[in-house]
Amino acid sequence: MDNRTWLTLAALAALAMLVVTGVLLVRVVKARRLLLDAGIPLRSKALFWVAVLYTISPVDLLPDPVYLDDIGLLLVALKALHAAARREGIEPDKL
């Protein structure tokens, strides 16, 4: 393959990761209603804000065409927030 093909594939991969990161960020922000519940532990609430700030921050573990670190942190934040809500008897999927 020539350089143009590699650049096209890299651009498509970066675009796909950006879309996934955007979708996850929207899901995390929609889950903010869980933050208003007094029963959710502070650790889960703080992880939410850390994930949002890290995603929009220009400082990353991996350079920004690679959004795998952002995606991973957003997934961890969503999972922790939903698990904390379930422990408190709140069904996060219905919010």
PDB file of N, CA and C in Angstrom:
ATOM      1  N   MET A   1       0.837  -1.178   0.000  1.00  0.00           N
ATOM      2  CA  MET A   1       0.000   0.000   0.000  1.00  0.00           C
ATOM      3  C   MET A   1       0.886   1.247   0.000  1.00  0.00           C
ATOM      4  N   ASP A   2       0.376   2.269  -0.645  1.00  0.00           N
ATOM      5  CA  ASP A   2       1.143   3.507  -0.697  1.00  0.00           C
ATOM      6  C   ASP A   2       0.797   4.405   0.506  1.00  0.00           C
ATOM      7  N   ASN A   3       1.491   5.520   0.597  1.00  0.00           N
ATOM      8  CA  ASN A   3       1.318   6.428   1.735  1.00  0.00           C
ATOM      9  C   ASN A   3      -0.087   7.020   1.807  1.00  0.00           C
ATOM     10  N   ARG A   4      -0.680   7.279   0.664  1.00  0.00           N
ATOM     11  CA  ARG A   4      -2.018   7.867   0.646  1.00  0.00           C
ATOM     12  C   ARG A   4      -3.044   6.910   1.259  1.00  0.00           C
ATOM     13  N   THR A   5      -2.925   5.630   0.974  1.00  0.00           N
ATOM     14  CA  THR A   5      -3.834   4.632   1.541  1.00  0.00           C
ATOM     15  C   THR A   5      -3.679   4.568   3.052  1.00  0.00           C
ATOM     16  N   TRP A   6      -2.426   4.568   3.528  1.00  0.00           N
ATOM     17  CA  TRP A   6      -2.184   4.534   4.976  1.00  0.00           C
ATOM     18  C   TRP A   6      -2.738   5.772   5.665  1.00  0.00           C
ATOM     19  N   LEU A   7      -2.565   6.928   5.059  1.00  0.00           N
ATOM     20  CA  LEU A   7      -3.096   8.161   5.634  1.00  0.00           C
ATOM     21  C   LEU A   7      -4.617   8.143   5.689  1.00  0.00           C
ATOM     22  N   THR A   8      -5.232   7.612   4.650  1.00  0.00           N
ATOM     23  CA  THR A   8      -6.693   7.504   4.621  1.00  0.00           C
ATOM     24  C   THR A   8      -7.180   6.568   5.722  1.00  0.00           C
ATOM     25  N   LEU A   9      -6.522   5.416   5.869  1.00  0.00           N
ATOM     26  CA  LEU A   9      -6.909   4.476   6.925  1.00  0.00           C
ATOM     27  C   LEU A   9      -6.704   5.074   8.312  1.00  0.00           C
ATOM     28  N   ALA A  10      -5.607   5.782   8.503  1.00  0.00           N
ATOM     29  CA  ALA A  10      -5.345   6.417   9.798  1.00  0.00           C
ATOM     30  C   ALA A  10      -6.379   7.494  10.098  1.00  0.00           C
ATOM     31  N   ALA A  11      -6.762   8.261   9.082  1.00  0.00           N
ATOM     32  CA  ALA A  11      -7.780   9.298   9.272  1.00  0.00           C
ATOM     33  C   ALA A  11      -9.131   8.682   9.611  1.00  0.00           C
ATOM     34  N   LEU A  12      -9.477   7.599   8.951  1.00  0.00           N
ATOM     35  CA  LEU A  12     -10.746   6.919   9.253  1.00  0.00           C
ATOM     36  C   LEU A  12     -10.743   6.329  10.657  1.00  0.00           C
ATOM     37  N   ALA A  13      -9.620   5.754  11.077  1.00  0.00           N
ATOM     38  CA  ALA A  13      -9.518   5.198  12.430  1.00  0.00           C
ATOM     39  C   ALA A  13      -9.626   6.304  13.477  1.00  0.00           C
ATOM     40  N   ALA A  14      -8.958   7.430  13.235  1.00  0.00           N
ATOM     41  CA  ALA A  14      -9.039   8.558  14.166  1.00  0.00           C
ATOM     42  C   ALA A  14     -10.458   9.103  14.241  1.00  0.00           C
ATOM     43  N   LEU A  15     -11.128   9.181  13.101  1.00  0.00           N
ATOM     44  CA  LEU A  15     -12.508   9.659  13.079  1.00  0.00           C
ATOM     45  C   LEU A  15     -13.431   8.704  13.832  1.00  0.00           C
ATOM     46  N   ALA A  16     -13.244   7.407  13.649  1.00  0.00           N
ATOM     47  CA  ALA A  16     -14.064   6.421  14.353  1.00  0.00           C
ATOM     48  C   ALA A  16     -13.852   6.520  15.861  1.00  0.00           C
ATOM     49  N   MET A  17     -12.604   6.666  16.295  1.00  0.00           N
ATOM     50  CA  MET A  17     -12.342   6.796  17.733  1.00  0.00           C
ATOM     51  C   MET A  17     -12.929   8.094  18.283  1.00  0.00           C
ATOM     52  N   LEU A  18     -12.889   9.161  17.503  1.00  0.00           N
ATOM     53  CA  LEU A  18     -13.467  10.426  17.934  1.00  0.00           C
ATOM     54  C   LEU A  18     -14.980  10.306  18.091  1.00  0.00           C
ATOM     55  N   VAL A  19     -15.633   9.611  17.175  1.00  0.00           N
ATOM     56  CA  VAL A  19     -17.080   9.406  17.257  1.00  0.00           C
ATOM     57  C   VAL A  19     -17.432   8.585  18.495  1.00  0.00           C
ATOM     58  N   VAL A  20     -16.690   7.505  18.732  1.00  0.00           N
ATOM     59  CA  VAL A  20     -16.949   6.668  19.915  1.00  0.00           C
ATOM     60  C   VAL A  20     -16.747   7.480  21.187  1.00  0.00           C
ATOM     61  N   THR A  21     -15.700   8.277  21.237  1.00  0.00           N
ATOM     62  CA  THR A  21     -15.446   9.121  22.406  1.00  0.00           C
ATOM     63  C   THR A  21     -16.579  10.116  22.606  1.00  0.00           C
ATOM     64  N   GLY A  22     -17.055  10.713  21.541  1.00  0.00           N
ATOM     65  CA  GLY A  22     -18.168  11.653  21.635  1.00  0.00           C
ATOM     66  C   GLY A  22     -19.437  11.000  22.145  1.00  0.00           C
ATOM     67  N   VAL A  23     -19.736   9.814  21.638  1.00  0.00           N
ATOM     68  CA  VAL A  23     -20.934   9.085  22.084  1.00  0.00           C
ATOM     69  C   VAL A  23     -20.817   8.752  23.567  1.00  0.00           C
ATOM     70  N   LEU A  24     -19.659   8.275  23.990  1.00  0.00           N
ATOM     71  CA  LEU A  24     -19.474   7.944  25.404  1.00  0.00           C
ATOM     72  C   LEU A  24     -19.535   9.185  26.282  1.00  0.00           C
ATOM     73  N   LEU A  25     -18.984  10.288  25.827  1.00  0.00           N
ATOM     74  CA  LEU A  25     -19.052  11.520  26.602  1.00  0.00           C
ATOM     75  C   LEU A  25     -20.499  11.971  26.770  1.00  0.00           C
ATOM     76  N   VAL A  26     -21.301  11.848  25.728  1.00  0.00           N
ATOM     77  CA  VAL A  26     -22.716  12.195  25.820  1.00  0.00           C
ATOM     78  C   VAL A  26     -23.418  11.275  26.818  1.00  0.00           C
ATOM     79  N   ARG A  27     -23.105   9.978  26.791  1.00  0.00           N
ATOM     80  CA  ARG A  27     -23.716   9.046  27.745  1.00  0.00           C
ATOM     81  C   ARG A  27     -23.313   9.365  29.173  1.00  0.00           C
ATOM     82  N   VAL A  28     -22.071   9.756  29.374  1.00  0.00           N
ATOM     83  CA  VAL A  28     -21.621  10.116  30.720  1.00  0.00           C
ATOM     84  C   VAL A  28     -22.345  11.369  31.197  1.00  0.00           C
ATOM     85  N   VAL A  29     -22.489  12.364  30.320  1.00  0.00           N
ATOM     86  CA  VAL A  29     -23.171  13.594  30.708  1.00  0.00           C
ATOM     87  C   VAL A  29     -24.649  13.327  30.986  1.00  0.00           C
ATOM     88  N   LYS A  30     -25.265  12.449  30.203  1.00  0.00           N
ATOM     89  CA  LYS A  30     -26.663  12.097  30.465  1.00  0.00           C
ATOM     90  C   LYS A  30     -26.812  11.390  31.806  1.00  0.00           C
ATOM     91  N   ALA A  31     -25.774  10.707  32.222  1.00  0.00           N
ATOM     92  CA  ALA A  31     -25.819   9.997  33.508  1.00  0.00           C
ATOM     93  C   ALA A  31     -25.640  10.954  34.681  1.00  0.00           C
ATOM     94  N   ARG A  32     -25.495  12.237  34.412  1.00  0.00           N
ATOM     95  CA  ARG A  32     -25.279  13.194  35.486  1.00  0.00           C
ATOM     96  C   ARG A  32     -26.448  13.259  36.459  1.00  0.00           C
ATOM     97  N   ARG A  33     -27.621  12.828  36.033  1.00  0.00           N
ATOM     98  CA  ARG A  33     -28.761  12.786  36.949  1.00  0.00           C
ATOM     99  C   ARG A  33     -28.464  11.918  38.156  1.00  0.00           C
ATOM    100  N   LEU A  34     -27.639  10.905  37.939  1.00  0.00           N
ATOM    101  CA  LEU A  34     -27.252  10.051  39.061  1.00  0.00           C
ATOM    102  C   LEU A  34     -26.438  10.827  40.091  1.00  0.00           C
ATOM    103  N   LEU A  35     -25.790  11.879  39.661  1.00  0.00           N
ATOM    104  CA  LEU A  35     -24.973  12.660  40.585  1.00  0.00           C
ATOM    105  C   LEU A  35     -25.824  13.415  41.595  1.00  0.00           C
ATOM    106  N   LEU A  36     -27.060  13.661  41.267  1.00  0.00           N
ATOM    107  CA  LEU A  36     -27.942  14.381  42.179  1.00  0.00           C
ATOM    108  C   LEU A  36     -28.477  13.485  43.281  1.00  0.00           C
ATOM    109  N   ASP A  37     -28.402  12.180  43.096  1.00  0.00           N
ATOM    110  CA  ASP A  37     -28.897  11.254  44.098  1.00  0.00           C
ATOM    111  C   ASP A  37     -27.931  11.233  45.286  1.00  0.00           C
ATOM    112  N   ALA A  38     -28.473  11.448  46.476  1.00  0.00           N
ATOM    113  CA  ALA A  38     -27.633  11.529  47.680  1.00  0.00           C
ATOM    114  C   ALA A  38     -26.998  10.190  48.038  1.00  0.00           C
ATOM    115  N   GLY A  39     -27.547   9.092  47.555  1.00  0.00           N
ATOM    116  CA  GLY A  39     -27.016   7.785  47.921  1.00  0.00           C
ATOM    117  C   GLY A  39     -25.790   7.360  47.132  1.00  0.00           C
ATOM    118  N   ILE A  40     -25.507   8.040  46.047  1.00  0.00           N
ATOM    119  CA  ILE A  40     -24.357   7.678  45.212  1.00  0.00           C
ATOM    120  C   ILE A  40     -23.086   8.146  45.924  1.00  0.00           C
ATOM    121  N   PRO A  41     -22.097   7.262  46.086  1.00  0.00           N
ATOM    122  CA  PRO A  41     -20.867   7.643  46.786  1.00  0.00           C
ATOM    123  C   PRO A  41     -20.099   8.759  46.072  1.00  0.00           C
ATOM    124  N   LEU A  42     -19.392   9.553  46.868  1.00  0.00           N
ATOM    125  CA  LEU A  42     -18.623  10.668  46.341  1.00  0.00           C
ATOM    126  C   LEU A  42     -17.563  10.188  45.354  1.00  0.00           C
ATOM    127  N   ARG A  43     -16.995   9.006  45.582  1.00  0.00           N
ATOM    128  CA  ARG A  43     -15.968   8.477  44.685  1.00  0.00           C
ATOM    129  C   ARG A  43     -16.502   8.330  43.258  1.00  0.00           C
ATOM    130  N   SER A  44     -17.710   7.817  43.117  1.00  0.00           N
ATOM    131  CA  SER A  44     -18.308   7.649  41.788  1.00  0.00           C
ATOM    132  C   SER A  44     -18.622   8.997  41.150  1.00  0.00           C
ATOM    133  N   LYS A  45     -19.067   9.942  41.972  1.00  0.00           N
ATOM    134  CA  LYS A  45     -19.354  11.276  41.446  1.00  0.00           C
ATOM    135  C   LYS A  45     -18.070  11.962  40.989  1.00  0.00           C
ATOM    136  N   ALA A  46     -17.011  11.815  41.752  1.00  0.00           N
ATOM    137  CA  ALA A  46     -15.736  12.435  41.393  1.00  0.00           C
ATOM    138  C   ALA A  46     -15.176  11.803  40.118  1.00  0.00           C
ATOM    139  N   LEU A  47     -15.325  10.483  39.973  1.00  0.00           N
ATOM    140  CA  LEU A  47     -14.839   9.803  38.777  1.00  0.00           C
ATOM    141  C   LEU A  47     -15.539  10.332  37.530  1.00  0.00           C
ATOM    142  N   PHE A  48     -16.809  10.658  37.657  1.00  0.00           N
ATOM    143  CA  PHE A  48     -17.560  11.260  36.553  1.00  0.00           C
ATOM    144  C   PHE A  48     -16.871  12.542  36.083  1.00  0.00           C
ATOM    145  N   TRP A  49     -16.584  13.448  37.016  1.00  0.00           N
ATOM    146  CA  TRP A  49     -15.984  14.727  36.649  1.00  0.00           C
ATOM    147  C   TRP A  49     -14.561  14.564  36.143  1.00  0.00           C
ATOM    148  N   VAL A  50     -13.822  13.617  36.701  1.00  0.00           N
ATOM    149  CA  VAL A  50     -12.462  13.353  36.214  1.00  0.00           C
ATOM    150  C   VAL A  50     -12.508  12.879  34.760  1.00  0.00           C
ATOM    151  N   ALA A  51     -13.453  11.987  34.447  1.00  0.00           N
ATOM    152  CA  ALA A  51     -13.575  11.472  33.084  1.00  0.00           C
ATOM    153  C   ALA A  51     -13.919  12.581  32.099  1.00  0.00           C
ATOM    154  N   VAL A  52     -14.840  13.450  32.470  1.00  0.00           N
ATOM    155  CA  VAL A  52     -15.229  14.551  31.589  1.00  0.00           C
ATOM    156  C   VAL A  52     -14.053  15.507  31.380  1.00  0.00           C
ATOM    157  N   LEU A  53     -13.388  15.890  32.456  1.00  0.00           N
ATOM    158  CA  LEU A  53     -12.253  16.808  32.336  1.00  0.00           C
ATOM    159  C   LEU A  53     -11.102  16.203  31.542  1.00  0.00           C
ATOM    160  N   TYR A  54     -10.831  14.920  31.762  1.00  0.00           N
ATOM    161  CA  TYR A  54      -9.746  14.267  31.034  1.00  0.00           C
ATOM    162  C   TYR A  54     -10.050  14.200  29.538  1.00  0.00           C
ATOM    163  N   THR A  55     -11.302  13.947  29.200  1.00  0.00           N
ATOM    164  CA  THR A  55     -11.680  13.823  27.795  1.00  0.00           C
ATOM    165  C   THR A  55     -11.529  15.153  27.058  1.00  0.00           C
ATOM    166  N   ILE A  56     -11.887  16.252  27.694  1.00  0.00           N
ATOM    167  CA  ILE A  56     -11.796  17.542  27.009  1.00  0.00           C
ATOM    168  C   ILE A  56     -10.440  18.212  27.211  1.00  0.00           C
ATOM    169  N   SER A  57      -9.615  17.658  28.080  1.00  0.00           N
ATOM    170  CA  SER A  57      -8.300  18.224  28.360  1.00  0.00           C
ATOM    171  C   SER A  57      -7.334  17.976  27.201  1.00  0.00           C
ATOM    172  N   PRO A  58      -6.466  18.950  26.922  1.00  0.00           N
ATOM    173  CA  PRO A  58      -5.466  18.721  25.877  1.00  0.00           C
ATOM    174  C   PRO A  58      -4.314  17.826  26.342  1.00  0.00           C
ATOM    175  N   VAL A  59      -4.212  17.570  27.637  1.00  0.00           N
ATOM    176  CA  VAL A  59      -3.147  16.724  28.173  1.00  0.00           C
ATOM    177  C   VAL A  59      -3.665  15.284  28.239  1.00  0.00           C
ATOM    178  N   ASP A  60      -2.969  14.366  27.563  1.00  0.00           N
ATOM    179  CA  ASP A  60      -3.399  12.968  27.496  1.00  0.00           C
ATOM    180  C   ASP A  60      -2.218  12.038  27.711  1.00  0.00           C
ATOM    181  N   LEU A  61      -2.536  10.794  28.063  1.00  0.00           N
ATOM    182  CA  LEU A  61      -1.506   9.766  28.135  1.00  0.00           C
ATOM    183  C   LEU A  61      -1.048   9.369  26.744  1.00  0.00           C
ATOM    184  N   LEU A  62      -1.993   9.294  25.822  1.00  0.00           N
ATOM    185  CA  LEU A  62      -1.701   8.987  24.425  1.00  0.00           C
ATOM    186  C   LEU A  62      -1.975  10.238  23.600  1.00  0.00           C
ATOM    187  N   PRO A  63      -1.223  10.476  22.535  1.00  0.00           N
ATOM    188  CA  PRO A  63      -1.488  11.665  21.716  1.00  0.00           C
ATOM    189  C   PRO A  63      -2.905  11.645  21.147  1.00  0.00           C
ATOM    190  N   ASP A  64      -3.460  12.822  20.885  1.00  0.00           N
ATOM    191  CA  ASP A  64      -4.887  12.930  20.610  1.00  0.00           C
ATOM    192  C   ASP A  64      -5.440  12.277  19.353  1.00  0.00           C
ATOM    193  N   PRO A  65      -4.718  11.935  18.334  1.00  0.00           N
ATOM    194  CA  PRO A  65      -5.384  11.146  17.296  1.00  0.00           C
ATOM    195  C   PRO A  65      -5.766   9.754  17.805  1.00  0.00           C
ATOM    196  N   VAL A  66      -5.198   9.329  18.931  1.00  0.00           N
ATOM    197  CA  VAL A  66      -5.522   8.025  19.522  1.00  0.00           C
ATOM    198  C   VAL A  66      -6.365   8.288  20.761  1.00  0.00           C
ATOM    199  N   TYR A  67      -7.654   7.990  20.680  1.00  0.00           N
ATOM    200  CA  TYR A  67      -8.583   8.302  21.766  1.00  0.00           C
ATOM    201  C   TYR A  67      -8.854   7.105  22.669  1.00  0.00           C
ATOM    202  N   LEU A  68      -8.012   6.102  22.625  1.00  0.00           N
ATOM    203  CA  LEU A  68      -8.258   4.893  23.409  1.00  0.00           C
ATOM    204  C   LEU A  68      -8.233   5.166  24.905  1.00  0.00           C
ATOM    205  N   ASP A  69      -7.358   6.041  25.378  1.00  0.00           N
ATOM    206  CA  ASP A  69      -7.314   6.356  26.798  1.00  0.00           C
ATOM    207  C   ASP A  69      -8.572   7.111  27.230  1.00  0.00           C
ATOM    208  N   ASP A  70      -9.054   8.018  26.391  1.00  0.00           N
ATOM    209  CA  ASP A  70     -10.293   8.739  26.690  1.00  0.00           C
ATOM    210  C   ASP A  70     -11.483   7.779  26.739  1.00  0.00           C
ATOM    211  N   ILE A  71     -11.551   6.902  25.763  1.00  0.00           N
ATOM    212  CA  ILE A  71     -12.640   5.925  25.700  1.00  0.00           C
ATOM    213  C   ILE A  71     -12.609   5.028  26.933  1.00  0.00           C
ATOM    214  N   GLY A  72     -11.429   4.561  27.303  1.00  0.00           N
ATOM    215  CA  GLY A  72     -11.304   3.688  28.469  1.00  0.00           C
ATOM    216  C   GLY A  72     -11.757   4.365  29.744  1.00  0.00           C
ATOM    217  N   LEU A  73     -11.347   5.610  29.961  1.00  0.00           N
ATOM    218  CA  LEU A  73     -11.737   6.314  31.180  1.00  0.00           C
ATOM    219  C   LEU A  73     -13.233   6.596  31.195  1.00  0.00           C
ATOM    220  N   LEU A  74     -13.808   6.944  30.057  1.00  0.00           N
ATOM    221  CA  LEU A  74     -15.255   7.164  30.002  1.00  0.00           C
ATOM    222  C   LEU A  74     -16.026   5.881  30.297  1.00  0.00           C
ATOM    223  N   LEU A  75     -15.550   4.755  29.779  1.00  0.00           N
ATOM    224  CA  LEU A  75     -16.213   3.479  30.068  1.00  0.00           C
ATOM    225  C   LEU A  75     -16.131   3.139  31.550  1.00  0.00           C
ATOM    226  N   VAL A  76     -14.983   3.374  32.161  1.00  0.00           N
ATOM    227  CA  VAL A  76     -14.826   3.111  33.602  1.00  0.00           C
ATOM    228  C   VAL A  76     -15.759   4.012  34.412  1.00  0.00           C
ATOM    229  N   ALA A  77     -15.848   5.283  34.031  1.00  0.00           N
ATOM    230  CA  ALA A  77     -16.724   6.220  34.746  1.00  0.00           C
ATOM    231  C   ALA A  77     -18.186   5.801  34.635  1.00  0.00           C
ATOM    232  N   LEU A  78     -18.613   5.432  33.433  1.00  0.00           N
ATOM    233  CA  LEU A  78     -20.000   4.989  33.261  1.00  0.00           C
ATOM    234  C   LEU A  78     -20.289   3.733  34.067  1.00  0.00           C
ATOM    235  N   LYS A  79     -19.381   2.787  34.004  1.00  0.00           N
ATOM    236  CA  LYS A  79     -19.587   1.530  34.727  1.00  0.00           C
ATOM    237  C   LYS A  79     -19.641   1.764  36.240  1.00  0.00           C
ATOM    238  N   ALA A  80     -18.749   2.599  36.755  1.00  0.00           N
ATOM    239  CA  ALA A  80     -18.729   2.877  38.196  1.00  0.00           C
ATOM    240  C   ALA A  80     -19.989   3.619  38.628  1.00  0.00           C
ATOM    241  N   LEU A  81     -20.420   4.580  37.836  1.00  0.00           N
ATOM    242  CA  LEU A  81     -21.615   5.348  38.182  1.00  0.00           C
ATOM    243  C   LEU A  81     -22.861   4.477  38.145  1.00  0.00           C
ATOM    244  N   HIS A  82     -22.979   3.643  37.141  1.00  0.00           N
ATOM    245  CA  HIS A  82     -24.143   2.749  37.047  1.00  0.00           C
ATOM    246  C   HIS A  82     -24.118   1.675  38.132  1.00  0.00           C
ATOM    247  N   ALA A  83     -22.952   1.160  38.460  1.00  0.00           N
ATOM    248  CA  ALA A  83     -22.856   0.157  39.526  1.00  0.00           C
ATOM    249  C   ALA A  83     -23.242   0.766  40.868  1.00  0.00           C
ATOM    250  N   ALA A  84     -22.795   1.986  41.122  1.00  0.00           N
ATOM    251  CA  ALA A  84     -23.151   2.657  42.378  1.00  0.00           C
ATOM    252  C   ALA A  84     -24.649   2.916  42.446  1.00  0.00           C
ATOM    253  N   ALA A  85     -25.242   3.279  41.325  1.00  0.00           N
ATOM    254  CA  ALA A  85     -26.687   3.520  41.294  1.00  0.00           C
ATOM    255  C   ALA A  85     -27.457   2.227  41.546  1.00  0.00           C
ATOM    256  N   ARG A  86     -27.004   1.137  40.948  1.00  0.00           N
ATOM    257  CA  ARG A  86     -27.687  -0.151  41.169  1.00  0.00           C
ATOM    258  C   ARG A  86     -27.586  -0.587  42.626  1.00  0.00           C
ATOM    259  N   ARG A  87     -26.442  -0.335  43.256  1.00  0.00           N
ATOM    260  CA  ARG A  87     -26.297  -0.692  44.675  1.00  0.00           C
ATOM    261  C   ARG A  87     -27.276   0.083  45.542  1.00  0.00           C
ATOM    262  N   GLU A  88     -27.637   1.283  45.091  1.00  0.00           N
ATOM    263  CA  GLU A  88     -28.579   2.109  45.842  1.00  0.00           C
ATOM    264  C   GLU A  88     -30.030   1.844  45.428  1.00  0.00           C
ATOM    265  N   GLY A  89     -30.236   0.920  44.522  1.00  0.00           N
ATOM    266  CA  GLY A  89     -31.595   0.564  44.105  1.00  0.00           C
ATOM    267  C   GLY A  89     -32.154   1.440  42.996  1.00  0.00           C
ATOM    268  N   ILE A  90     -31.303   2.177  42.319  1.00  0.00           N
ATOM    269  CA  ILE A  90     -31.736   3.045  41.213  1.00  0.00           C
ATOM    270  C   ILE A  90     -31.374   2.333  39.921  1.00  0.00           C
ATOM    271  N   GLU A  91     -32.306   2.278  38.994  1.00  0.00           N
ATOM    272  CA  GLU A  91     -32.021   1.654  37.710  1.00  0.00           C
ATOM    273  C   GLU A  91     -31.545   2.727  36.744  1.00  0.00           C
ATOM    274  N   PRO A  92     -30.234   2.789  36.443  1.00  0.00           N
ATOM    275  CA  PRO A  92     -29.690   3.873  35.624  1.00  0.00           C
ATOM    276  C   PRO A  92     -30.190   3.881  34.188  1.00  0.00           C
ATOM    277  N   ASP A  93     -30.597   2.759  33.634  1.00  0.00           N
ATOM    278  CA  ASP A  93     -31.036   2.710  32.241  1.00  0.00           C
ATOM    279  C   ASP A  93     -32.373   3.412  32.049  1.00  0.00           C
ATOM    280  N   LYS A  94     -33.121   3.610  33.116  1.00  0.00           N
ATOM    281  CA  LYS A  94     -34.434   4.250  32.998  1.00  0.00           C
ATOM    282  C   LYS A  94     -34.361   5.753  33.184  1.00  0.00           C
ATOM    283  N   LEU A  95     -33.168   6.279  33.433  1.00  0.00           N
ATOM    284  CA  LEU A  95     -33.040   7.739  33.640  1.00  0.00           C
ATOM    285  C   LEU A  95     -33.050   8.461  32.314  1.00  0.00           C
TER     286      LEU A  95
END
